[in-house]
Protein backbone atom coordinates (compact mmCIF):
# COMPACT_ATOMS: atom_id res chain seq x y z
CA MET A 1 18.58 2.03 0.53
CA LYS A 2 16.70 5.20 -0.31
CA LYS A 3 17.57 4.75 -4.00
CA TYR A 4 16.11 1.23 -3.93
CA VAL A 5 12.88 2.43 -2.33
CA TYR A 6 12.48 5.14 -4.98
CA LEU A 7 13.02 2.55 -7.70
CA LEU A 8 10.45 0.30 -6.02
CA LEU A 9 7.93 3.12 -5.78
CA ALA A 10 8.46 4.09 -9.43
CA THR A 11 7.93 0.45 -10.47
CA MET A 12 4.75 0.20 -8.41
CA LEU A 13 3.39 3.39 -9.93
CA CYS A 14 3.90 2.04 -13.44
CA ILE A 15 2.17 -1.26 -12.83
CA SER A 16 -1.58 -1.31 -13.22
CA PHE A 17 -2.47 -4.73 -14.60
CA VAL A 18 -5.23 -5.50 -12.14
CA SER A 19 -8.68 -6.91 -12.70
CA CYS A 20 -11.40 -4.51 -11.64
CA GLU A 21 -14.24 -6.95 -11.05
CA LYS A 22 -14.84 -10.34 -9.45
CA ASP A 23 -17.60 -12.67 -10.61
CA GLY A 24 -20.30 -13.02 -8.01
CA ASP A 25 -18.88 -10.39 -5.67
CA ASP A 26 -21.64 -8.43 -3.98
CA GLY A 27 -19.33 -5.67 -2.69
CA LYS A 28 -19.70 -6.49 1.03
CA ASP A 29 -15.97 -7.24 1.42
CA ALA A 30 -15.04 -3.86 -0.09
CA ASP A 31 -16.57 -2.01 2.87
CA LEU A 32 -14.72 -4.21 5.36
CA GLU A 33 -11.45 -3.83 3.44
CA SER A 34 -11.84 -0.04 3.42
CA ILE A 35 -12.44 -0.02 7.17
CA LEU A 36 -9.46 -2.26 7.83
CA LEU A 37 -7.18 -0.18 5.57
CA VAL A 38 -7.55 2.93 7.71
CA GLY A 39 -4.33 3.42 9.67
CA THR A 40 -0.59 3.33 9.18
CA TRP A 41 1.09 0.36 7.49
CA ASN A 42 4.86 -0.22 7.60
CA LEU A 43 6.35 -2.06 4.64
CA TYR A 44 8.43 -4.96 5.92
CA LYS A 45 9.00 -7.24 2.93
CA SER A 46 8.73 -7.12 -0.86
CA TRP A 47 8.26 -9.80 -3.52
CA ASP A 48 12.01 -10.39 -3.81
CA ASP A 49 12.20 -10.99 -0.03
CA HIS A 50 13.96 -7.67 0.52
CA ARG A 51 13.42 -6.62 4.13
CA PHE A 52 12.43 -2.95 4.60
CA TYR A 53 11.70 -2.74 8.29
CA ASP A 54 14.05 -4.08 10.88
CA GLU A 55 14.83 -3.78 14.54
CA THR A 56 16.50 -0.39 13.92
CA GLY A 57 13.06 1.17 13.37
CA TYR A 58 13.43 2.21 9.72
CA HIS A 59 10.00 3.11 8.33
CA SER A 60 8.40 3.35 4.91
CA GLY A 61 4.81 2.59 4.03
CA PHE A 62 1.28 3.95 3.69
CA ARG A 63 -0.99 6.04 5.86
CA PHE A 64 -4.71 5.67 4.95
CA ASP A 65 -7.20 8.08 6.56
CA ALA A 66 -10.94 7.42 6.85
CA ASN A 67 -11.69 10.51 4.70
CA GLY A 68 -10.16 8.83 1.63
CA LYS A 69 -6.85 10.69 1.86
CA GLY A 70 -3.41 9.51 2.85
CA PHE A 71 0.28 9.48 2.04
CA TRP A 72 3.22 7.21 1.24
CA TYR A 73 6.11 7.89 3.58
CA GLU A 74 9.79 7.21 3.20
CA ASN A 75 11.45 8.73 6.20
CA GLY A 76 13.91 6.55 7.94
CA TYR A 77 13.30 6.46 11.64
CA ASP A 78 10.65 9.10 12.35
CA ILE A 79 7.20 8.82 10.76
CA MET A 80 6.51 12.51 11.43
CA LYS A 81 9.57 13.66 9.45
CA GLY A 82 10.84 12.83 6.00
CA GLU A 83 9.49 12.58 2.51
CA ARG A 84 5.78 12.07 1.81
CA GLN A 85 3.70 11.63 -1.32
CA TYR A 86 0.06 12.59 -0.72
CA PHE A 87 -2.89 10.87 -2.38
CA THR A 88 -6.58 10.05 -2.31
CA TRP A 89 -7.64 6.41 -2.28
CA GLU A 90 -10.57 4.09 -2.84
CA CYS A 91 -11.14 0.38 -2.46
CA ALA A 92 -13.65 -1.76 -4.38
CA ASN A 93 -13.78 -5.50 -5.01
CA SER A 94 -10.37 -6.05 -3.37
CA VAL A 95 -8.73 -3.49 -5.65
CA LEU A 96 -7.00 -0.58 -3.95
CA THR A 97 -6.65 2.46 -6.21
CA ILE A 98 -4.38 5.33 -5.18
CA TYR A 99 -4.47 8.69 -6.96
CA TYR A 100 -1.26 10.58 -6.13
CA ASP A 101 -1.47 14.37 -6.03
CA GLU A 102 1.17 14.64 -8.77
CA GLY A 103 -1.07 12.67 -11.16
CA ALA A 104 0.17 9.08 -10.97
CA VAL A 105 -2.33 6.26 -10.36
CA GLN A 106 -1.42 3.03 -8.59
CA ARG A 107 -3.60 -0.10 -8.42
CA ALA A 108 -3.03 -3.16 -6.28
CA THR A 109 -5.05 -6.23 -5.39
CA ILE A 110 -5.57 -6.78 -1.69
CA LYS A 111 -4.54 -10.41 -1.19
CA GLN A 112 -4.94 -10.35 2.58
CA ILE A 113 -5.96 -7.82 5.18
CA ASP A 114 -6.73 -8.08 8.84
CA HIS A 115 -6.04 -5.98 11.93
CA GLU A 116 -2.31 -6.77 11.82
CA GLU A 117 -1.18 -7.49 8.25
CA LEU A 118 -1.79 -6.21 4.72
CA ILE A 119 -0.55 -7.99 1.59
CA LEU A 120 -0.78 -6.11 -1.71
CA SER A 121 -0.27 -7.77 -5.08
CA TYR A 122 0.91 -6.06 -8.25
CA ASN A 123 1.54 -7.20 -11.83
CA LYS A 124 -1.10 -9.96 -11.87
CA GLY A 125 0.15 -11.41 -8.60
CA PHE A 126 3.80 -11.79 -9.52
CA GLU A 127 4.90 -9.04 -7.15
CA LYS A 128 3.72 -8.70 -3.56
CA GLU A 129 4.41 -6.35 -0.69
CA TYR A 130 3.88 -7.15 2.96
CA TYR A 131 2.90 -4.57 5.59
CA HIS A 132 2.43 -4.60 9.37
CA ARG A 133 0.00 -2.24 11.04
CA ALA A 134 1.88 0.49 12.88
CA ASN A 135 -1.01 1.70 15.04
């Protein structure tokens, strides 16, 4: 399982085919999206319908802080333990950009966000990941 998640993360880091601008967008949604992003998001399903989170409590996902920092976590059953990859992030025009401390950049389109669910799209919409809010 851990091997698959690493492969998934490596694939996501390599994909950056995302449009950076929407016609007629005045930027108001970007502020709301940034506010809604703050928190912890558990990955529960990927584009190939692979389930990541189940009733056993296995966790992997993102933590976004209001100060523009955060981390990706892959740690099994305890969010406070395990492997983390730290980053800074920004959101504009429904595009989430993550700058990992080791130098990689990841971009995703926010397809849906509310207080309970986040859907990120990669590779021009062909690949999606589904997250539930953890807190």
